[in-house]
Amino acid sequence: MTEALPDRPTVTSPPLLARRWTIDDIPDQTGRTAVVTGANSGLGLRTAEALAAKGAHVLLACRNELKAATALEQVSAAATGTEPEVLPLDLADLASIRRAADHLDVRGTPIDILVNNAGVMALPRHQRTADGFDAQFGTNHLGHYALTGLLLPQLLRAPEARVVTVSSIAAWGGLINWLDPNWRVVYSRWLAYSQSKLANLLFTAELQRRARAAGSTLTAVAAHPGLSATNLYDSGPEKGVAAAFAAIQQRMLFSLGQSDAKGALPQLYAATMPGLAGNSYCGPAFEAFGYPRRTLRNPLAYSRFQARKLWELSAELTGVDYRWA
């Protein structure tokens, strides 16, 4: 039994054949600060480049320092405003998340846009984060839950902050494994991934509800890239038959999927589209590919009960409480 969220949005996107929204339609971002997780490659890198090109001061929140340095050069080349920076961040380690948040807190800079983009997908072997969480649930959801909460003071300093959390079409098959959310008993790589992506949507809905209840101007929205050619399949080592199968999947993804630049459009739309309603969900027009528009989601993502329950579980596991004043 699901209880509908009071802020369930009505999808009022333009027709599929309406004018195409591209990076040229991003409003001027001069004077705004954006934090993009997983900005060293793929969707995160394209998002960072586009925001920097529109004048935003972009912080590339990355785990791999070598890849981050290379990405920084690319984003710097596109930047038209304040020079971008690298923010060391490992979402699979709560201590790293706290260090990153403390660094930004000391600086006191308001954060206008937080793009919770980083993630891992369908890890072939059960892996755990530094804190013992399932790697997919811990990185894709719990890490971003903790980061957003710890950055909340900086977000609240901005006049109209926006938090964009990147989900996936895999969320349609998602269920929260309430008895074993960290998959300690039986591990299923795809069920674990789908759970983490549904969690992204439940988190967005509950964050928006709590922001509204607190009288905050912060807006929480979500997006998904459809089927995009990124390096997400390169999340973990495989051997033998599993490696061959993964290679086939990767080739199919790159042949059938749209580019990472086009896949990043929905999250850029979600991050910058003026007047976008809270708890909106943006994705490609044809779900797997196309230009961005508001889209539908797994009905479970509208459950206020599950959203609240997941929030309470996340707070318990991470020790992060959101303070709105």
Protein backbone atom coordinates (compact mmCIF):
# COMPACT_ATOMS: atom_id res chain seq x y z
CA MET A 1 0.00 0.00 0.00
CA THR A 2 1.54 3.29 -1.04
CA GLU A 3 0.62 6.74 0.18
CA ALA A 4 0.89 9.39 -2.52
CA LEU A 5 3.25 12.24 -1.82
CA PRO A 6 1.44 15.59 -1.55
CA ASP A 7 3.94 17.21 -3.93
CA ARG A 8 3.58 14.61 -6.68
CA PRO A 9 4.10 16.72 -9.80
CA THR A 10 1.91 16.69 -12.86
CA VAL A 11 3.94 16.02 -15.98
CA THR A 12 3.23 18.96 -18.27
CA SER A 13 6.13 18.63 -20.67
CA PRO A 14 5.81 19.93 -24.20
CA PRO A 15 4.92 17.43 -26.95
CA LEU A 16 7.67 15.07 -28.06
CA LEU A 17 8.12 16.96 -31.31
CA ALA A 18 8.39 20.37 -29.63
CA ARG A 19 11.58 22.45 -29.95
CA ARG A 20 14.64 20.55 -28.81
CA TRP A 21 16.31 21.72 -25.59
CA THR A 22 20.11 21.79 -25.82
CA ILE A 23 23.03 23.28 -23.88
CA ASP A 24 22.45 26.50 -25.84
CA ASP A 25 19.24 26.90 -23.84
CA ILE A 26 21.02 26.86 -20.46
CA PRO A 27 20.55 30.28 -18.82
CA ASP A 28 23.59 32.32 -17.82
CA GLN A 29 25.13 30.82 -14.68
CA THR A 30 27.57 33.64 -13.90
CA GLY A 31 28.07 34.12 -10.17
CA ARG A 32 26.68 30.69 -9.27
CA THR A 33 28.60 27.81 -7.70
CA ALA A 34 27.96 24.21 -8.73
CA VAL A 35 29.24 20.97 -7.20
CA VAL A 36 29.17 17.96 -9.53
CA THR A 37 30.00 14.52 -8.17
CA GLY A 38 31.73 12.07 -10.47
CA ALA A 39 32.85 14.91 -12.72
CA ASN A 40 36.01 13.18 -13.93
CA SER A 41 34.27 11.42 -16.85
CA GLY A 42 31.03 10.69 -18.67
CA LEU A 43 27.85 12.49 -17.68
CA GLY A 44 29.52 14.32 -14.80
CA LEU A 45 32.29 15.70 -16.98
CA ARG A 46 29.85 16.86 -19.66
CA THR A 47 27.68 18.47 -16.98
CA ALA A 48 30.66 20.27 -15.45
CA GLU A 49 31.82 21.50 -18.87
CA ALA A 50 28.38 22.85 -19.79
CA LEU A 51 27.88 24.67 -16.48
CA ALA A 52 31.39 26.16 -16.61
CA ALA A 53 30.82 27.28 -20.19
CA LYS A 54 27.77 29.21 -18.98
CA GLY A 55 29.79 31.03 -16.32
CA ALA A 56 29.34 28.88 -13.20
CA HIS A 57 32.15 28.23 -10.76
CA VAL A 58 32.28 24.44 -10.90
CA LEU A 59 33.74 22.14 -8.25
CA LEU A 60 34.60 18.72 -9.64
CA ALA A 61 33.96 16.31 -6.78
CA CYS A 62 36.01 13.25 -7.72
CA ARG A 63 37.57 10.17 -6.14
CA ASN A 64 40.33 9.54 -8.69
CA GLU A 65 42.77 12.45 -8.45
CA LEU A 66 44.62 11.59 -11.67
CA LYS A 67 41.44 11.47 -13.74
CA ALA A 68 40.19 14.58 -11.95
CA ALA A 69 43.32 16.50 -13.01
CA THR A 70 42.70 15.60 -16.66
CA ALA A 71 39.02 16.51 -16.38
CA LEU A 72 39.95 19.82 -14.77
CA GLU A 73 41.93 20.77 -17.86
CA GLN A 74 38.91 20.08 -20.08
CA VAL A 75 36.49 21.99 -17.86
CA SER A 76 38.95 24.89 -17.54
CA ALA A 77 39.15 25.10 -21.33
CA ALA A 78 35.36 25.46 -21.48
CA ALA A 79 35.00 27.85 -18.53
CA THR A 80 33.96 31.46 -19.09
CA GLY A 81 33.84 32.48 -15.42
CA THR A 82 35.69 31.58 -12.24
CA GLU A 83 38.26 28.84 -12.73
CA PRO A 84 36.92 25.39 -11.82
CA GLU A 85 38.46 23.39 -8.99
CA VAL A 86 38.78 19.77 -7.89
CA LEU A 87 37.14 18.69 -4.64
CA PRO A 88 38.51 15.32 -3.44
CA LEU A 89 35.53 13.10 -2.63
CA ASP A 90 34.97 9.37 -2.25
CA LEU A 91 31.25 8.68 -1.88
CA ALA A 92 32.04 5.17 -0.63
CA ASP A 93 33.71 6.59 2.48
CA LEU A 94 31.79 8.71 5.00
CA ALA A 95 35.05 10.15 6.35
CA SER A 96 35.93 11.45 2.87
CA ILE A 97 32.45 12.94 2.50
CA ARG A 98 32.82 14.76 5.82
CA ARG A 99 36.25 16.10 4.83
CA ALA A 100 34.86 17.47 1.57
CA ALA A 101 31.90 19.08 3.35
CA ASP A 102 34.15 20.57 6.05
CA HIS A 103 36.39 22.06 3.35
CA LEU A 104 33.44 23.83 1.74
CA ASP A 105 32.02 24.87 5.11
CA VAL A 106 35.28 26.62 6.03
CA ARG A 107 35.14 28.52 2.75
CA GLY A 108 31.56 29.54 3.45
CA THR A 109 30.67 29.78 -0.25
CA PRO A 110 26.97 29.32 -1.02
CA ILE A 111 26.25 26.33 -3.25
CA ASP A 112 23.61 27.08 -5.88
CA ILE A 113 23.62 23.70 -7.65
CA LEU A 114 24.50 20.25 -6.34
CA VAL A 115 24.46 17.51 -8.98
CA ASN A 116 24.50 14.10 -7.32
CA ASN A 117 25.76 12.34 -10.44
CA ALA A 118 28.43 9.80 -9.43
CA GLY A 119 27.57 6.13 -9.27
CA VAL A 120 28.50 2.51 -9.84
CA MET A 121 26.42 -0.02 -11.73
CA ALA A 122 25.78 -3.75 -11.43
CA LEU A 123 29.04 -4.67 -9.74
CA PRO A 124 29.64 -8.36 -10.58
CA ARG A 125 30.89 -9.27 -7.11
CA HIS A 126 29.47 -8.04 -3.87
CA GLN A 127 31.64 -5.17 -2.72
CA ARG A 128 31.35 -3.00 0.36
CA THR A 129 32.10 0.62 1.11
CA ALA A 130 34.60 1.72 3.73
CA ASP A 131 31.72 1.78 6.21
CA GLY A 132 30.42 -1.70 5.38
CA PHE A 133 27.48 -0.73 3.15
CA ASP A 134 26.66 -2.48 -0.11
CA ALA A 135 28.78 -0.62 -2.66
CA GLN A 136 25.86 0.31 -4.92
CA PHE A 137 23.43 1.33 -2.16
CA GLY A 138 26.27 3.01 -0.27
CA THR A 139 27.71 4.97 -3.19
CA ASN A 140 24.64 5.74 -5.27
CA HIS A 141 22.28 6.59 -2.43
CA LEU A 142 23.80 6.74 1.08
CA GLY A 143 26.87 8.69 -0.07
CA HIS A 144 24.75 11.31 -1.78
CA TYR A 145 22.29 11.43 1.13
CA ALA A 146 25.20 12.16 3.48
CA LEU A 147 26.86 14.67 1.15
CA THR A 148 23.66 16.64 0.59
CA GLY A 149 22.95 16.77 4.31
CA LEU A 150 26.46 17.89 5.20
CA LEU A 151 26.38 20.55 2.46
CA LEU A 152 22.92 21.77 3.50
CA PRO A 153 24.26 24.89 5.30
CA GLN A 154 26.00 25.99 2.09
CA LEU A 155 22.94 25.15 0.01
CA LEU A 156 20.71 27.19 2.33
CA ARG A 157 23.02 30.19 1.92
CA ALA A 158 22.09 30.32 -1.77
CA PRO A 159 18.88 32.21 -2.63
CA GLU A 160 17.39 29.35 -4.69
CA ALA A 161 19.56 26.26 -4.39
CA ARG A 162 18.78 23.21 -6.49
CA VAL A 163 19.74 19.60 -5.76
CA VAL A 164 19.72 17.29 -8.76
CA THR A 165 20.00 13.56 -8.10
CA VAL A 166 20.68 11.32 -11.07
CA SER A 167 18.62 8.15 -11.23
CA SER A 168 18.22 5.64 -14.07
CA ILE A 169 15.61 3.89 -16.19
CA ALA A 170 16.59 0.87 -14.05
CA ALA A 171 14.56 2.49 -11.26
CA TRP A 172 11.44 1.13 -12.98
CA GLY A 173 12.43 -2.33 -11.74
CA GLY A 174 13.49 -1.13 -8.32
CA LEU A 175 12.29 -2.36 -4.94
CA ILE A 176 13.77 -1.46 -1.57
CA ASN A 177 14.98 -4.63 0.10
CA TRP A 178 13.84 -3.56 3.55
CA LEU A 179 14.89 -6.82 5.21
CA ASP A 180 18.43 -6.60 3.83
CA PRO A 181 19.10 -3.26 2.08
CA ASN A 182 22.85 -3.90 2.10
CA TRP A 183 22.49 -7.36 0.52
CA ARG A 184 24.35 -9.25 3.24
CA VAL A 185 22.46 -12.53 2.69
CA VAL A 186 21.95 -12.89 -1.07
CA TYR A 187 23.43 -10.46 -3.59
CA SER A 188 21.88 -9.65 -6.97
CA ARG A 189 23.89 -7.14 -8.96
CA TRP A 190 20.94 -5.77 -10.96
CA LEU A 191 18.41 -5.79 -8.14
CA ALA A 192 20.94 -3.93 -5.99
CA TYR A 193 21.47 -1.37 -8.74
CA SER A 194 17.73 -0.89 -9.34
CA GLN A 195 17.19 -0.49 -5.59
CA SER A 196 19.80 2.28 -5.44
CA LYS A 197 18.20 4.11 -8.37
CA LEU A 198 14.71 3.90 -6.84
CA ALA A 199 16.29 5.19 -3.64
CA ASN A 200 17.50 8.24 -5.58
CA LEU A 201 13.90 9.07 -6.48
CA LEU A 202 12.54 8.46 -2.98
CA PHE A 203 15.33 10.64 -1.59
CA THR A 204 14.45 13.45 -4.00
CA ALA A 205 10.77 13.32 -3.05
CA GLU A 206 11.45 13.36 0.68
CA LEU A 207 14.11 16.08 0.40
CA GLN A 208 11.62 18.27 -1.46
CA ARG A 209 8.89 17.57 1.09
CA ARG A 210 11.17 18.45 4.01
CA ALA A 211 12.45 21.59 2.29
CA ARG A 212 8.92 22.77 1.75
CA ALA A 213 7.93 21.94 5.34
CA ALA A 214 10.92 23.96 6.58
CA GLY A 215 9.92 26.95 4.43
CA SER A 216 13.13 26.66 2.43
CA THR A 217 13.53 27.82 -1.17
CA LEU A 218 15.73 24.79 -1.93
CA THR A 219 14.35 22.67 -4.78
CA ALA A 220 15.03 18.95 -5.14
CA VAL A 221 14.65 17.35 -8.56
CA ALA A 222 15.84 14.19 -10.29
CA ALA A 223 16.95 13.19 -13.77
CA HIS A 224 18.02 10.15 -15.74
CA PRO A 225 20.16 9.91 -18.91
CA GLY A 226 18.30 7.16 -20.71
CA LEU A 227 20.60 4.74 -22.49
CA SER A 228 23.88 6.64 -22.72
CA ALA A 229 27.34 5.58 -23.79
CA THR A 230 29.38 6.11 -20.62
CA ASN A 231 32.00 4.11 -18.74
CA LEU A 232 29.57 3.01 -16.03
CA TYR A 233 30.02 -0.61 -17.06
CA ASP A 234 33.68 -0.33 -16.12
CA SER A 235 32.80 -0.31 -12.44
CA GLY A 236 34.52 -3.52 -11.41
CA PRO A 237 36.81 -6.30 -12.54
CA GLU A 238 35.43 -9.46 -14.13
CA LYS A 239 37.01 -12.65 -15.40
CA GLY A 240 36.28 -15.44 -17.84
CA VAL A 241 32.75 -15.72 -19.19
CA ALA A 242 31.58 -12.81 -17.05
CA ALA A 243 34.22 -10.56 -18.60
CA ALA A 244 33.22 -11.60 -22.13
CA PHE A 245 29.54 -10.95 -21.36
CA ALA A 246 30.34 -7.55 -19.87
CA ALA A 247 32.34 -6.64 -22.98
CA ILE A 248 29.35 -7.52 -25.18
CA GLN A 249 27.08 -5.40 -22.99
CA GLN A 250 29.51 -2.51 -23.23
CA ARG A 251 29.67 -2.73 -27.03
CA MET A 252 25.88 -2.85 -27.26
CA LEU A 253 25.60 0.17 -24.99
CA PHE A 254 27.98 2.20 -27.10
CA SER A 255 26.30 1.17 -30.35
CA LEU A 256 22.70 1.69 -29.22
CA GLY A 257 23.09 4.44 -26.64
CA GLN A 258 23.27 8.16 -27.21
CA SER A 259 26.44 10.10 -26.47
CA ASP A 260 27.37 11.13 -22.94
CA ALA A 261 26.96 14.77 -24.00
CA LYS A 262 23.36 14.15 -24.98
CA GLY A 263 22.80 11.87 -22.00
CA ALA A 264 23.82 14.75 -19.71
CA LEU A 265 21.10 17.03 -21.07
CA PRO A 266 18.32 15.86 -18.71
CA GLN A 267 20.41 16.60 -15.61
CA LEU A 268 21.47 19.94 -17.05
CA TYR A 269 17.81 20.69 -17.78
CA ALA A 270 16.95 19.71 -14.20
CA ALA A 271 19.78 21.86 -12.80
CA THR A 272 19.12 25.05 -14.76
CA MET A 273 15.57 25.17 -16.14
CA PRO A 274 13.89 28.19 -14.51
CA GLY A 275 10.72 27.52 -12.57
CA LEU A 276 11.06 23.74 -12.52
CA ALA A 277 8.73 22.32 -9.88
CA GLY A 278 10.11 20.48 -6.89
CA ASN A 279 10.24 16.68 -7.21
CA SER A 280 10.27 16.94 -11.01
CA TYR A 281 11.85 14.04 -12.88
CA CYS A 282 13.55 14.77 -16.19
CA GLY A 283 14.67 12.31 -18.84
CA PRO A 284 15.01 11.78 -22.58
CA ALA A 285 11.84 12.31 -24.62
CA PHE A 286 11.73 8.67 -25.71
CA GLU A 287 12.90 7.38 -22.31
CA ALA A 288 16.00 5.62 -23.68
CA PHE A 289 17.10 8.47 -25.94
CA GLY A 290 16.08 11.93 -27.10
CA TYR A 291 16.11 15.51 -25.88
CA PRO A 292 15.11 16.25 -22.26
CA ARG A 293 11.61 16.67 -20.93
CA ARG A 294 9.76 15.86 -17.73
CA THR A 295 8.97 12.18 -17.48
CA LEU A 296 7.25 9.51 -15.40
CA ARG A 297 8.69 7.20 -12.75
CA ASN A 298 8.19 3.91 -10.92
CA PRO A 299 4.92 4.30 -8.95
CA LEU A 300 6.77 3.21 -5.80
CA ALA A 301 8.75 6.45 -6.04
CA TYR A 302 5.54 8.30 -5.09
CA SER A 303 5.16 6.46 -1.78
CA ARG A 304 5.44 8.90 1.09
CA PHE A 305 5.71 5.99 3.52
CA GLN A 306 8.69 4.45 1.71
CA ALA A 307 10.35 7.84 1.21
CA ARG A 308 10.11 8.63 4.92
CA LYS A 309 11.23 5.13 5.92
CA LEU A 310 14.26 5.29 3.60
CA TRP A 311 15.17 8.72 4.97
CA GLU A 312 15.08 7.42 8.54
CA LEU A 313 17.17 4.39 7.57
CA SER A 314 19.70 6.60 5.77
CA ALA A 315 20.03 8.89 8.78
CA GLU A 316 20.57 5.90 11.06
CA LEU A 317 23.20 4.29 8.80
CA THR A 318 25.18 7.44 8.01
CA GLY A 319 24.69 9.43 11.22
CA VAL A 320 23.81 12.52 9.16
CA ASP A 321 20.86 14.64 10.26
CA TYR A 322 19.58 17.52 8.13
CA ARG A 323 19.44 20.87 9.94
CA TRP A 324 17.25 23.43 8.22
CA ALA A 325 18.03 26.41 10.45
